């Protein structure tokens, strides 16, 4: 599988499983129509209509594109890590039962792990 070349900061999060600082990511306050794709392999991960404002400092989604995300128990024993199903890139964590949306899910995703493709550009991919 061919992967996109990552900057050291991107690799720290995507490969090293670090977390970007809250409220620092470029997609935290973005609410345009489009698709969020894995920065490492370009796989589609989330649709803009599933993004919501959770006021947590990171982009939040209440569902993924079917089959796009793999859930892994976090080594801390309390959280569930989410990774790209195609390339295993670290995306963030998923939390359940918080009451934000009817799905009872909050995918808390690092902006640096994704690229946003506006709806009018998705047909080119």
PDB file of N, CA and C in Angstrom:
ATOM      1  N   UNK A   1       0.845  -1.177   0.000  1.00  0.00           N
ATOM      2  CA  UNK A   1       0.000   0.000   0.000  1.00  0.00           C
ATOM      3  C   UNK A   1       0.890   1.240   0.000  1.00  0.00           C
ATOM      4  N   UNK A   2       0.534   2.209  -0.805  1.00  0.00           N
ATOM      5  CA  UNK A   2       1.290   3.451  -0.885  1.00  0.00           C
ATOM      6  C   UNK A   2       0.688   4.481   0.066  1.00  0.00           C
ATOM      7  N   UNK A   3       1.570   5.087   0.882  1.00  0.00           N
ATOM      8  CA  UNK A   3       1.139   6.100   1.832  1.00  0.00           C
ATOM      9  C   UNK A   3       1.692   7.459   1.446  1.00  0.00           C
ATOM     10  N   UNK A   4       0.948   8.475   1.813  1.00  0.00           N
ATOM     11  CA  UNK A   4       1.386   9.851   1.614  1.00  0.00           C
ATOM     12  C   UNK A   4       2.551  10.147   2.562  1.00  0.00           C
ATOM     13  N   UNK A   5       3.521  10.916   2.103  1.00  0.00           N
ATOM     14  CA  UNK A   5       4.635  11.343   2.945  1.00  0.00           C
ATOM     15  C   UNK A   5       4.092  12.273   4.027  1.00  0.00           C
ATOM     16  N   UNK A   6       4.428  12.018   5.279  1.00  0.00           N
ATOM     17  CA  UNK A   6       3.925  12.809   6.404  1.00  0.00           C
ATOM     18  C   UNK A   6       5.004  13.742   6.935  1.00  0.00           C
ATOM     19  N   UNK A   7       4.575  14.907   7.400  1.00  0.00           N
ATOM     20  CA  UNK A   7       5.491  15.804   8.096  1.00  0.00           C
ATOM     21  C   UNK A   7       5.790  15.189   9.459  1.00  0.00           C
ATOM     22  N   UNK A   8       6.843  15.638  10.141  1.00  0.00           N
ATOM     23  CA  UNK A   8       7.112  15.114  11.490  1.00  0.00           C
ATOM     24  C   UNK A   8       5.931  15.306  12.454  1.00  0.00           C
ATOM     25  N   UNK A   9       5.248  16.447  12.362  1.00  0.00           N
ATOM     26  CA  UNK A   9       4.092  16.703  13.236  1.00  0.00           C
ATOM     27  C   UNK A   9       2.954  15.732  12.916  1.00  0.00           C
ATOM     28  N   UNK A  10       2.677  15.508  11.632  1.00  0.00           N
ATOM     29  CA  UNK A  10       1.641  14.549  11.226  1.00  0.00           C
ATOM     30  C   UNK A  10       2.002  13.142  11.682  1.00  0.00           C
ATOM     31  N   UNK A  11       3.253  12.738  11.493  1.00  0.00           N
ATOM     32  CA  UNK A  11       3.698  11.402  11.886  1.00  0.00           C
ATOM     33  C   UNK A  11       3.588  11.197  13.396  1.00  0.00           C
ATOM     34  N   UNK A  12       3.833  12.244  14.162  1.00  0.00           N
ATOM     35  CA  UNK A  12       3.719  12.149  15.616  1.00  0.00           C
ATOM     36  C   UNK A  12       2.323  11.703  16.041  1.00  0.00           C
ATOM     37  N   UNK A  13       1.303  12.229  15.378  1.00  0.00           N
ATOM     38  CA  UNK A  13      -0.086  11.886  15.707  1.00  0.00           C
ATOM     39  C   UNK A  13      -0.517  10.601  14.992  1.00  0.00           C
ATOM     40  N   UNK A  14      -0.308  10.539  13.688  1.00  0.00           N
ATOM     41  CA  UNK A  14      -0.839   9.451  12.859  1.00  0.00           C
ATOM     42  C   UNK A  14      -0.129   8.125  13.115  1.00  0.00           C
ATOM     43  N   UNK A  15       1.183   8.167  13.297  1.00  0.00           N
ATOM     44  CA  UNK A  15       1.954   6.949  13.540  1.00  0.00           C
ATOM     45  C   UNK A  15       2.263   6.783  15.028  1.00  0.00           C
ATOM     46  N   UNK A  16       2.666   7.880  15.678  1.00  0.00           N
ATOM     47  CA  UNK A  16       3.068   7.828  17.079  1.00  0.00           C
ATOM     48  C   UNK A  16       1.939   7.906  18.080  1.00  0.00           C
ATOM     49  N   UNK A  17       0.715   8.119  17.603  1.00  0.00           N
ATOM     50  CA  UNK A  17      -0.498   8.151  18.426  1.00  0.00           C
ATOM     51  C   UNK A  17      -0.536   9.300  19.434  1.00  0.00           C
ATOM     52  N   UNK A  18       0.117  10.416  19.089  1.00  0.00           N
ATOM     53  CA  UNK A  18       0.038  11.616  19.923  1.00  0.00           C
ATOM     54  C   UNK A  18      -1.323  12.281  19.699  1.00  0.00           C
ATOM     55  N   UNK A  19      -1.575  13.358  20.412  1.00  0.00           N
ATOM     56  CA  UNK A  19      -2.824  14.113  20.272  1.00  0.00           C
ATOM     57  C   UNK A  19      -2.475  15.573  20.022  1.00  0.00           C
ATOM     58  N   UNK A  20      -3.122  16.185  19.018  1.00  0.00           N
ATOM     59  CA  UNK A  20      -2.885  17.608  18.799  1.00  0.00           C
ATOM     60  C   UNK A  20      -3.555  18.404  19.917  1.00  0.00           C
ATOM     61  N   UNK A  21      -3.053  19.593  20.144  1.00  0.00           N
ATOM     62  CA  UNK A  21      -3.602  20.434  21.213  1.00  0.00           C
ATOM     63  C   UNK A  21      -5.069  20.764  20.936  1.00  0.00           C
ATOM     64  N   UNK A  22      -5.911  20.795  21.979  1.00  0.00           N
ATOM     65  CA  UNK A  22      -7.323  21.143  21.771  1.00  0.00           C
ATOM     66  C   UNK A  22      -7.463  22.541  21.188  1.00  0.00           C
ATOM     67  N   UNK A  23      -8.481  22.690  20.351  1.00  0.00           N
ATOM     68  CA  UNK A  23      -8.835  23.953  19.699  1.00  0.00           C
ATOM     69  C   UNK A  23      -7.752  24.463  18.741  1.00  0.00           C
ATOM     70  N   UNK A  24      -6.799  23.598  18.354  1.00  0.00           N
ATOM     71  CA  UNK A  24      -5.721  24.025  17.456  1.00  0.00           C
ATOM     72  C   UNK A  24      -5.886  23.492  16.036  1.00  0.00           C
ATOM     73  N   UNK A  25      -6.717  22.487  15.826  1.00  0.00           N
ATOM     74  CA  UNK A  25      -6.850  21.854  14.524  1.00  0.00           C
ATOM     75  C   UNK A  25      -7.657  22.669  13.539  1.00  0.00           C
ATOM     76  N   UNK A  26      -7.283  22.567  12.274  1.00  0.00           N
ATOM     77  CA  UNK A  26      -7.942  23.371  11.239  1.00  0.00           C
ATOM     78  C   UNK A  26      -9.390  22.987  10.992  1.00  0.00           C
ATOM     79  N   UNK A  27      -9.828  21.800  11.399  1.00  0.00           N
ATOM     80  CA  UNK A  27     -11.202  21.372  11.127  1.00  0.00           C
ATOM     81  C   UNK A  27     -12.125  21.459  12.335  1.00  0.00           C
ATOM     82  N   UNK A  28     -11.617  21.923  13.461  1.00  0.00           N
ATOM     83  CA  UNK A  28     -12.451  22.000  14.657  1.00  0.00           C
ATOM     84  C   UNK A  28     -13.718  22.812  14.423  1.00  0.00           C
ATOM     85  N   UNK A  29     -13.605  23.941  13.755  1.00  0.00           N
ATOM     86  CA  UNK A  29     -14.767  24.821  13.535  1.00  0.00           C
ATOM     87  C   UNK A  29     -15.243  24.838  12.093  1.00  0.00           C
ATOM     88  N   UNK A  30     -14.861  23.871  11.298  1.00  0.00           N
ATOM     89  CA  UNK A  30     -15.281  23.808   9.900  1.00  0.00           C
ATOM     90  C   UNK A  30     -16.595  23.041   9.788  1.00  0.00           C
ATOM     91  N   UNK A  31     -17.592  23.664   9.171  1.00  0.00           N
ATOM     92  CA  UNK A  31     -18.892  23.012   8.992  1.00  0.00           C
ATOM     93  C   UNK A  31     -19.382  23.175   7.560  1.00  0.00           C
ATOM     94  N   UNK A  32     -18.507  22.885   6.586  1.00  0.00           N
ATOM     95  CA  UNK A  32     -18.855  22.908   5.165  1.00  0.00           C
ATOM     96  C   UNK A  32     -19.221  21.495   4.728  1.00  0.00           C
ATOM     97  N   UNK A  33     -19.943  21.388   3.604  1.00  0.00           N
ATOM     98  CA  UNK A  33     -20.321  20.077   3.080  1.00  0.00           C
ATOM     99  C   UNK A  33     -19.134  19.434   2.381  1.00  0.00           C
ATOM    100  N   UNK A  34     -18.927  18.150   2.697  1.00  0.00           N
ATOM    101  CA  UNK A  34     -17.831  17.422   2.078  1.00  0.00           C
ATOM    102  C   UNK A  34     -17.524  16.139   2.824  1.00  0.00           C
ATOM    103  N   UNK A  35     -16.350  15.600   2.539  1.00  0.00           N
ATOM    104  CA  UNK A  35     -15.904  14.333   3.108  1.00  0.00           C
ATOM    105  C   UNK A  35     -14.535  14.517   3.753  1.00  0.00           C
ATOM    106  N   UNK A  36     -14.359  13.901   4.907  1.00  0.00           N
ATOM    107  CA  UNK A  36     -13.072  13.887   5.591  1.00  0.00           C
ATOM    108  C   UNK A  36     -12.392  12.567   5.249  1.00  0.00           C
ATOM    109  N   UNK A  37     -11.133  12.671   4.792  1.00  0.00           N
ATOM    110  CA  UNK A  37     -10.384  11.500   4.343  1.00  0.00           C
ATOM    111  C   UNK A  37      -9.121  11.328   5.175  1.00  0.00           C
ATOM    112  N   UNK A  38      -8.651  10.103   5.256  1.00  0.00           N
ATOM    113  CA  UNK A  38      -7.420   9.800   5.975  1.00  0.00           C
ATOM    114  C   UNK A  38      -6.251  10.525   5.316  1.00  0.00           C
ATOM    115  N   UNK A  39      -5.483  11.239   6.104  1.00  0.00           N
ATOM    116  CA  UNK A  39      -4.348  11.976   5.563  1.00  0.00           C
ATOM    117  C   UNK A  39      -3.255  11.035   5.068  1.00  0.00           C
ATOM    118  N   UNK A  40      -3.174   9.846   5.632  1.00  0.00           N
ATOM    119  CA  UNK A  40      -2.113   8.909   5.257  1.00  0.00           C
ATOM    120  C   UNK A  40      -2.414   8.130   3.976  1.00  0.00           C
ATOM    121  N   UNK A  41      -3.663   7.642   3.829  1.00  0.00           N
ATOM    122  CA  UNK A  41      -3.969   6.767   2.685  1.00  0.00           C
ATOM    123  C   UNK A  41      -5.108   7.274   1.805  1.00  0.00           C
ATOM    124  N   UNK A  42      -5.760   8.359   2.197  1.00  0.00           N
ATOM    125  CA  UNK A  42      -6.851   8.993   1.441  1.00  0.00           C
ATOM    126  C   UNK A  42      -8.181   8.239   1.494  1.00  0.00           C
ATOM    127  N   UNK A  43      -8.320   7.278   2.366  1.00  0.00           N
ATOM    128  CA  UNK A  43      -9.596   6.560   2.499  1.00  0.00           C
ATOM    129  C   UNK A  43     -10.654   7.496   3.077  1.00  0.00           C
ATOM    130  N   UNK A  44     -11.892   7.458   2.561  1.00  0.00           N
ATOM    131  CA  UNK A  44     -12.966   8.268   3.146  1.00  0.00           C
ATOM    132  C   UNK A  44     -13.314   7.764   4.549  1.00  0.00           C
ATOM    133  N   UNK A  45     -13.422   8.699   5.497  1.00  0.00           N
ATOM    134  CA  UNK A  45     -13.670   8.348   6.899  1.00  0.00           C
ATOM    135  C   UNK A  45     -15.018   8.844   7.407  1.00  0.00           C
ATOM    136  N   UNK A  46     -15.295  10.138   7.180  1.00  0.00           N
ATOM    137  CA  UNK A  46     -16.487  10.781   7.732  1.00  0.00           C
ATOM    138  C   UNK A  46     -17.129  11.703   6.702  1.00  0.00           C
ATOM    139  N   UNK A  47     -18.438  11.859   6.824  1.00  0.00           N
ATOM    140  CA  UNK A  47     -19.188  12.826   6.012  1.00  0.00           C
ATOM    141  C   UNK A  47     -19.495  14.047   6.874  1.00  0.00           C
ATOM    142  N   UNK A  48     -19.514  15.198   6.242  1.00  0.00           N
ATOM    143  CA  UNK A  48     -19.747  16.441   6.982  1.00  0.00           C
ATOM    144  C   UNK A  48     -21.090  16.447   7.703  1.00  0.00           C
ATOM    145  N   UNK A  49     -22.097  15.774   7.155  1.00  0.00           N
ATOM    146  CA  UNK A  49     -23.414  15.782   7.808  1.00  0.00           C
ATOM    147  C   UNK A  49     -23.412  15.028   9.137  1.00  0.00           C
ATOM    148  N   UNK A  50     -22.345  14.278   9.422  1.00  0.00           N
ATOM    149  CA  UNK A  50     -22.239  13.559  10.694  1.00  0.00           C
ATOM    150  C   UNK A  50     -21.345  14.278  11.698  1.00  0.00           C
ATOM    151  N   UNK A  51     -20.906  15.483  11.351  1.00  0.00           N
ATOM    152  CA  UNK A  51     -20.071  16.292  12.246  1.00  0.00           C
ATOM    153  C   UNK A  51     -20.982  17.164  13.108  1.00  0.00           C
ATOM    154  N   UNK A  52     -20.591  17.339  14.364  1.00  0.00           N
ATOM    155  CA  UNK A  52     -21.377  18.196  15.254  1.00  0.00           C
ATOM    156  C   UNK A  52     -20.446  18.938  16.203  1.00  0.00           C
ATOM    157  N   UNK A  53     -20.945  19.987  16.808  1.00  0.00           N
ATOM    158  CA  UNK A  53     -20.164  20.807  17.731  1.00  0.00           C
ATOM    159  C   UNK A  53     -20.286  20.236  19.135  1.00  0.00           C
ATOM    160  N   UNK A  54     -19.198  19.665  19.635  1.00  0.00           N
ATOM    161  CA  UNK A  54     -19.185  19.083  20.974  1.00  0.00           C
ATOM    162  C   UNK A  54     -18.463  19.977  21.975  1.00  0.00           C
ATOM    163  N   UNK A  55     -17.873  21.074  21.490  1.00  0.00           N
ATOM    164  CA  UNK A  55     -17.149  22.010  22.348  1.00  0.00           C
ATOM    165  C   UNK A  55     -16.032  21.322  23.130  1.00  0.00           C
ATOM    166  N   UNK A  56     -15.393  20.314  22.509  1.00  0.00           N
ATOM    167  CA  UNK A  56     -14.338  19.565  23.188  1.00  0.00           C
ATOM    168  C   UNK A  56     -12.943  19.932  22.699  1.00  0.00           C
ATOM    169  N   UNK A  57     -12.858  20.693  21.590  1.00  0.00           N
ATOM    170  CA  UNK A  57     -11.563  21.102  21.081  1.00  0.00           C
ATOM    171  C   UNK A  57     -11.074  20.334  19.874  1.00  0.00           C
ATOM    172  N   UNK A  58     -11.808  19.303  19.482  1.00  0.00           N
ATOM    173  CA  UNK A  58     -11.455  18.509  18.314  1.00  0.00           C
ATOM    174  C   UNK A  58     -12.703  18.279  17.471  1.00  0.00           C
ATOM    175  N   UNK A  59     -12.537  18.047  16.163  1.00  0.00           N
ATOM    176  CA  UNK A  59     -13.706  17.719  15.340  1.00  0.00           C
ATOM    177  C   UNK A  59     -14.409  16.490  15.906  1.00  0.00           C
ATOM    178  N   UNK A  60     -15.723  16.552  15.956  1.00  0.00           N
ATOM    179  CA  UNK A  60     -16.519  15.455  16.512  1.00  0.00           C
ATOM    180  C   UNK A  60     -17.545  14.984  15.496  1.00  0.00           C
ATOM    181  N   UNK A  61     -17.672  13.675  15.389  1.00  0.00           N
ATOM    182  CA  UNK A  61     -18.611  13.037  14.467  1.00  0.00           C
ATOM    183  C   UNK A  61     -19.400  12.000  15.242  1.00  0.00           C
ATOM    184  N   UNK A  62     -20.672  11.800  14.872  1.00  0.00           N
ATOM    185  CA  UNK A  62     -21.461  10.799  15.595  1.00  0.00           C
ATOM    186  C   UNK A  62     -21.589   9.479  14.842  1.00  0.00           C
ATOM    187  N   UNK A  63     -20.965   9.376  13.688  1.00  0.00           N
ATOM    188  CA  UNK A  63     -20.891   8.093  12.971  1.00  0.00           C
ATOM    189  C   UNK A  63     -19.823   8.210  11.898  1.00  0.00           C
ATOM    190  N   UNK A  64     -19.277   7.073  11.515  1.00  0.00           N
ATOM    191  CA  UNK A  64     -18.278   7.011  10.468  1.00  0.00           C
ATOM    192  C   UNK A  64     -18.886   6.471   9.183  1.00  0.00           C
ATOM    193  N   UNK A  65     -18.177   6.599   8.093  1.00  0.00           N
ATOM    194  CA  UNK A  65     -18.575   5.922   6.860  1.00  0.00           C
ATOM    195  C   UNK A  65     -18.438   4.427   7.136  1.00  0.00           C
ATOM    196  N   UNK A  66     -19.452   3.623   6.822  1.00  0.00           N
ATOM    197  CA  UNK A  66     -19.402   2.194   7.159  1.00  0.00           C
ATOM    198  C   UNK A  66     -18.106   1.520   6.698  1.00  0.00           C
ATOM    199  N   UNK A  67     -17.469   0.836   7.646  1.00  0.00           N
ATOM    200  CA  UNK A  67     -16.245   0.101   7.373  1.00  0.00           C
ATOM    201  C   UNK A  67     -14.969   0.917   7.410  1.00  0.00           C
ATOM    202  N   UNK A  68     -15.065   2.229   7.630  1.00  0.00           N
ATOM    203  CA  UNK A  68     -13.895   3.108   7.554  1.00  0.00           C
ATOM    204  C   UNK A  68     -13.033   3.110   8.810  1.00  0.00           C
ATOM    205  N   UNK A  69     -13.631   2.813   9.948  1.00  0.00           N
ATOM    206  CA  UNK A  69     -12.968   2.963  11.241  1.00  0.00           C
ATOM    207  C   UNK A  69     -12.870   1.618  11.954  1.00  0.00           C
ATOM    208  N   UNK A  70     -11.725   1.399  12.597  1.00  0.00           N
ATOM    209  CA  UNK A  70     -11.540   0.232  13.464  1.00  0.00           C
ATOM    210  C   UNK A  70     -11.382   0.740  14.890  1.00  0.00           C
ATOM    211  N   UNK A  71     -12.067   0.107  15.814  1.00  0.00           N
ATOM    212  CA  UNK A  71     -11.985   0.472  17.237  1.00  0.00           C
ATOM    213  C   UNK A  71     -11.018  -0.482  17.935  1.00  0.00           C
ATOM    214  N   UNK A  72     -10.144   0.096  18.774  1.00  0.00           N
ATOM    215  CA  UNK A  72      -9.132  -0.675  19.492  1.00  0.00           C
ATOM    216  C   UNK A  72      -9.149  -0.230  20.948  1.00  0.00           C
ATOM    217  N   UNK A  73      -9.192  -1.158  21.906  1.00  0.00           N
ATOM    218  CA  UNK A  73      -9.098  -0.730  23.309  1.00  0.00           C
ATOM    219  C   UNK A  73      -7.789   0.035  23.531  1.00  0.00           C
ATOM    220  N   UNK A  74      -7.889   1.204  24.146  1.00  0.00           N
ATOM    221  CA  UNK A  74      -6.718   2.033  24.403  1.00  0.00           C
ATOM    222  C   UNK A  74      -5.893   1.416  25.530  1.00  0.00           C
ATOM    223  N   UNK A  75      -4.562   1.533  25.456  1.00  0.00           N
ATOM    224  CA  UNK A  75      -3.734   0.999  26.544  1.00  0.00           C
ATOM    225  C   UNK A  75      -4.048   1.584  27.922  1.00  0.00           C
ATOM    226  N   UNK A  76      -4.686   2.769  27.963  1.00  0.00           N
ATOM    227  CA  UNK A  76      -5.018   3.356  29.270  1.00  0.00           C
ATOM    228  C   UNK A  76      -6.147   2.613  29.978  1.00  0.00           C
ATOM    229  N   UNK A  77      -6.812   1.697  29.254  1.00  0.00           N
ATOM    230  CA  UNK A  77      -7.871   0.887  29.855  1.00  0.00           C
ATOM    231  C   UNK A  77      -9.206   1.584  29.998  1.00  0.00           C
ATOM    232  N   UNK A  78      -9.290   2.852  29.611  1.00  0.00           N
ATOM    233  CA  UNK A  78     -10.532   3.614  29.788  1.00  0.00           C
ATOM    234  C   UNK A  78     -11.165   4.063  28.478  1.00  0.00           C
ATOM    235  N   UNK A  79     -10.346   4.265  27.469  1.00  0.00           N
ATOM    236  CA  UNK A  79     -10.853   4.815  26.216  1.00  0.00           C
ATOM    237  C   UNK A  79     -10.788   3.777  25.096  1.00  0.00           C
ATOM    238  N   UNK A  80     -11.425   4.130  23.970  1.00  0.00           N
ATOM    239  CA  UNK A  80     -11.375   3.309  22.766  1.00  0.00           C
ATOM    240  C   UNK A  80     -10.738   4.136  21.665  1.00  0.00           C
ATOM    241  N   UNK A  81      -9.586   3.677  21.185  1.00  0.00           N
ATOM    242  CA  UNK A  81      -8.890   4.349  20.092  1.00  0.00           C
ATOM    243  C   UNK A  81      -9.608   4.048  18.782  1.00  0.00           C
ATOM    244  N   UNK A  82      -9.575   5.011  17.853  1.00  0.00           N
ATOM    245  CA  UNK A  82     -10.086   4.772  16.506  1.00  0.00           C
ATOM    246  C   UNK A  82      -8.946   4.975  15.518  1.00  0.00           C
ATOM    247  N   UNK A  83      -8.872   4.031  14.555  1.00  0.00           N
ATOM    248  CA  UNK A  83      -7.854   4.089  13.509  1.00  0.00           C
ATOM    249  C   UNK A  83      -8.531   3.885  12.157  1.00  0.00           C
ATOM    250  N   UNK A  84      -7.854   4.326  11.114  1.00  0.00           N
ATOM    251  CA  UNK A  84      -8.322   4.094   9.749  1.00  0.00           C
ATOM    252  C   UNK A  84      -8.270   2.589   9.489  1.00  0.00           C
ATOM    253  N   UNK A  85      -9.362   2.017   9.028  1.00  0.00           N
ATOM    254  CA  UNK A  85      -9.406   0.581   8.756  1.00  0.00           C
ATOM    255  C   UNK A  85      -8.470   0.177   7.626  1.00  0.00           C
ATOM    256  N   UNK A  86      -8.183   1.091   6.721  1.00  0.00           N
ATOM    257  CA  UNK A  86      -7.352   0.766   5.561  1.00  0.00           C
ATOM    258  C   UNK A  86      -5.858   0.759   5.902  1.00  0.00           C
ATOM    259  N   UNK A  87      -5.378   1.768   6.652  1.00  0.00           N
ATOM    260  CA  UNK A  87      -3.932   1.885   6.890  1.00  0.00           C
ATOM    261  C   UNK A  87      -3.542   1.915   8.365  1.00  0.00           C
ATOM    262  N   UNK A  88      -4.507   1.845   9.268  1.00  0.00           N
ATOM    263  CA  UNK A  88      -4.273   1.844  10.717  1.00  0.00           C
ATOM    264  C   UNK A  88      -3.750   3.177  11.256  1.00  0.00           C
ATOM    265  N   UNK A  89      -3.929   4.269  10.524  1.00  0.00           N
ATOM    266  CA  UNK A  89      -3.520   5.593  11.005  1.00  0.00           C
ATOM    267  C   UNK A  89      -4.330   5.966  12.247  1.00  0.00           C
ATOM    268  N   UNK A  90      -3.657   6.478  13.255  1.00  0.00           N
ATOM    269  CA  UNK A  90      -4.337   6.925  14.479  1.00  0.00           C
ATOM    270  C   UNK A  90      -5.177   8.161  14.160  1.00  0.00           C
ATOM    271  N   UNK A  91      -6.446   8.118  14.547  1.00  0.00           N
ATOM    272  CA  UNK A  91      -7.367   9.228  14.308  1.00  0.00           C
ATOM    273  C   UNK A  91      -7.726   9.948  15.601  1.00  0.00           C
ATOM    274  N   UNK A  92      -7.953   9.205  16.671  1.00  0.00           N
ATOM    275  CA  UNK A  92      -8.384   9.786  17.939  1.00  0.00           C
ATOM    276  C   UNK A  92      -9.041   8.725  18.789  1.00  0.00           C
ATOM    277  N   UNK A  93     -10.174   9.095  19.403  1.00  0.00           N
ATOM    278  CA  UNK A  93     -10.899   8.180  20.283  1.00  0.00           C
ATOM    279  C   UNK A  93     -12.400   8.318  20.063  1.00  0.00           C
ATOM    280  N   UNK A  94     -13.133   7.281  20.406  1.00  0.00           N
ATOM    281  CA  UNK A  94     -14.595   7.323  20.340  1.00  0.00           C
ATOM    282  C   UNK A  94     -15.129   7.155  21.760  1.00  0.00           C
ATOM    283  N   UNK A  95     -16.135   7.951  22.065  1.00  0.00           N
ATOM    284  CA  UNK A  95     -16.777   7.924  23.380  1.00  0.00           C
ATOM    285  C   UNK A  95     -18.262   7.635  23.172  1.00  0.00           C
ATOM    286  N   UNK A  96     -18.859   6.884  24.068  1.00  0.00           N
ATOM    287  CA  UNK A  96     -20.271   6.523  23.933  1.00  0.00           C
ATOM    288  C   UNK A  96     -21.052   6.929  25.172  1.00  0.00           C
ATOM    289  N   UNK A  97     -22.362   7.107  24.970  1.00  0.00           N
ATOM    290  CA  UNK A  97     -23.265   7.368  26.078  1.00  0.00           C
ATOM    291  C   UNK A  97     -23.226   8.772  26.646  1.00  0.00           C
ATOM    292  N   UNK A  98     -22.693   9.734  25.913  1.00  0.00           N
ATOM    293  CA  UNK A  98     -22.591  11.096  26.433  1.00  0.00           C
ATOM    294  C   UNK A  98     -23.840  11.939  26.188  1.00  0.00           C
ATOM    295  N   UNK A  99     -24.727  11.487  25.305  1.00  0.00           N
ATOM    296  CA  UNK A  99     -25.983  12.184  25.078  1.00  0.00           C
ATOM    297  C   UNK A  99     -25.940  13.328  24.097  1.00  0.00           C
ATOM    298  N   UNK A 100     -24.844  13.519  23.384  1.00  0.00           N
ATOM    299  CA  UNK A 100     -24.759  14.619  22.420  1.00  0.00           C
ATOM    300  C   UNK A 100     -25.708  14.432  21.236  1.00  0.00           C
ATOM    301  N   UNK A 101     -25.826  13.200  20.741  1.00  0.00           N
ATOM    302  CA  UNK A 101     -26.629  12.920  19.548  1.00  0.00           C
ATOM    303  C   UNK A 101     -27.410  11.622  19.769  1.00  0.00           C
ATOM    304  N   UNK A 102     -28.393  11.346  18.924  1.00  0.00           N
ATOM    305  CA  UNK A 102     -29.160  10.099  19.064  1.00  0.00           C
ATOM    306  C   UNK A 102     -28.305   8.830  18.947  1.00  0.00           C
ATOM    307  N   UNK A 103     -27.170   8.902  18.244  1.00  0.00           N
ATOM    308  CA  UNK A 103     -26.318   7.710  18.115  1.00  0.00           C
ATOM    309  C   UNK A 103     -25.542   7.420  19.400  1.00  0.00           C
ATOM    310  N   UNK A 104     -25.491   8.396  20.312  1.00  0.00           N
ATOM    311  CA  UNK A 104     -24.749   8.255  21.565  1.00  0.00           C
ATOM    312  C   UNK A 104     -23.255   8.007  21.339  1.00  0.00           C
ATOM    313  N   UNK A 105     -22.732   8.508  20.207  1.00  0.00           N
ATOM    314  CA  UNK A 105     -21.312   8.358  19.902  1.00  0.00           C
ATOM    315  C   UNK A 105     -20.685   9.727  19.654  1.00  0.00           C
ATOM    316  N   UNK A 106     -19.427   9.863  20.097  1.00  0.00           N
ATOM    317  CA  UNK A 106     -18.640  11.053  19.756  1.00  0.00           C
ATOM    318  C   UNK A 106     -17.261  10.571  19.332  1.00  0.00           C
ATOM    319  N   UNK A 107     -17.024  10.635  18.024  1.00  0.00           N
ATOM    320  CA  UNK A 107     -15.704  10.344  17.489  1.00  0.00           C
ATOM    321  C   UNK A 107     -14.916  11.639  17.608  1.00  0.00           C
ATOM    322  N   UNK A 108     -13.955  11.666  18.478  1.00  0.00           N
ATOM    323  CA  UNK A 108     -13.129  12.836  18.750  1.00  0.00           C
ATOM    324  C   UNK A 108     -11.845  12.655  17.931  1.00  0.00           C
ATOM    325  N   UNK A 109     -11.717  13.411  16.833  1.00  0.00           N
ATOM    326  CA  UNK A 109     -10.696  13.141  15.823  1.00  0.00           C
ATOM    327  C   UNK A 109      -9.706  14.295  15.709  1.00  0.00           C
ATOM    328  N   UNK A 110      -8.434  13.958  15.613  1.00  0.00           N
ATOM    329  CA  UNK A 110      -7.396  14.957  15.371  1.00  0.00           C
ATOM    330  C   UNK A 110      -7.524  15.493  13.949  1.00  0.00           C
ATOM    331  N   UNK A 111      -7.615  16.805  13.800  1.00  0.00           N
ATOM    332  CA  UNK A 111      -7.672  17.409  12.466  1.00  0.00           C
ATOM    333  C   UNK A 111      -6.483  16.983  11.621  1.00  0.00           C
ATOM    334  N   UNK A 112      -5.323  16.895  12.232  1.00  0.00           N
ATOM    335  CA  UNK A 112      -4.091  16.594  11.510  1.00  0.00           C
ATOM    336  C   UNK A 112      -4.111  15.190  10.884  1.00  0.00           C
ATOM    337  N   UNK A 113      -5.007  14.340  11.323  1.00  0.00           N
ATOM    338  CA  UNK A 113      -5.125  12.981  10.785  1.00  0.00           C
ATOM    339  C   UNK A 113      -5.976  12.917   9.526  1.00  0.00           C
ATOM    340  N   UNK A 114      -6.588  14.046   9.139  1.00  0.00           N
ATOM    341  CA  UNK A 114      -7.536  14.034   8.027  1.00  0.00           C
ATOM    342  C   UNK A 114      -7.252  15.140   7.025  1.00  0.00           C
ATOM    343  N   UNK A 115      -7.817  14.973   5.839  1.00  0.00           N
ATOM    344  CA  UNK A 115      -7.936  16.020   4.826  1.00  0.00           C
ATOM    345  C   UNK A 115      -9.419  16.191   4.547  1.00  0.00           C
ATOM    346  N   UNK A 116      -9.863  17.429   4.397  1.00  0.00           N
ATOM    347  CA  UNK A 116     -11.258  17.698   4.066  1.00  0.00           C
ATOM    348  C   UNK A 116     -11.364  17.956   2.574  1.00  0.00           C
ATOM    349  N   UNK A 117     -12.296  17.271   1.936  1.00  0.00           N
ATOM    350  CA  UNK A 117     -12.550  17.452   0.508  1.00  0.00           C
ATOM    351  C   UNK A 117     -13.970  18.001   0.366  1.00  0.00           C
ATOM    352  N   UNK A 118     -14.114  19.255  -0.090  1.00  0.00           N
ATOM    353  CA  UNK A 118     -15.458  19.829  -0.260  1.00  0.00           C
ATOM    354  C   UNK A 118     -16.295  18.986  -1.225  1.00  0.00           C
ATOM    355  N   UNK A 119     -17.600  19.022  -1.062  1.00  0.00           N
ATOM    356  CA  UNK A 119     -18.516  18.221  -1.887  1.00  0.00           C
ATOM    357  C   UNK A 119     -18.279  18.398  -3.364  1.00  0.00           C
ATOM    358  N   UNK A 120     -18.024  19.611  -3.804  1.00  0.00           N
ATOM    359  CA  UNK A 120     -17.846  19.832  -5.249  1.00  0.00           C
ATOM    360  C   UNK A 120     -16.533  19.269  -5.775  1.00  0.00           C
ATOM    361  N   UNK A 121     -15.640  18.796  -4.915  1.00  0.00           N
ATOM    362  CA  UNK A 121     -14.365  18.202  -5.336  1.00  0.00           C
ATOM    363  C   UNK A 121     -14.360  16.685  -5.199  1.00  0.00           C
ATOM    364  N   UNK A 122     -15.296  16.097  -4.448  1.00  0.00           N
ATOM    365  CA  UNK A 122     -15.297  14.666  -4.188  1.00  0.00           C
ATOM    366  C   UNK A 122     -15.400  13.834  -5.459  1.00  0.00           C
ATOM    367  N   UNK A 123     -16.075  14.342  -6.468  1.00  0.00           N
ATOM    368  CA  UNK A 123     -16.244  13.573  -7.702  1.00  0.00           C
ATOM    369  C   UNK A 123     -14.925  13.400  -8.456  1.00  0.00           C
ATOM    370  N   UNK A 124     -13.904  14.184  -8.104  1.00  0.00           N
ATOM    371  CA  UNK A 124     -12.608  14.094  -8.765  1.00  0.00           C
ATOM    372  C   UNK A 124     -11.723  12.998  -8.182  1.00  0.00           C
ATOM    373  N   UNK A 125     -12.100  12.432  -7.067  1.00  0.00           N
ATOM    374  CA  UNK A 125     -11.263  11.431  -6.388  1.00  0.00           C
ATOM    375  C   UNK A 125     -11.588  10.029  -6.826  1.00  0.00           C
TER     376      UNK A 125
END
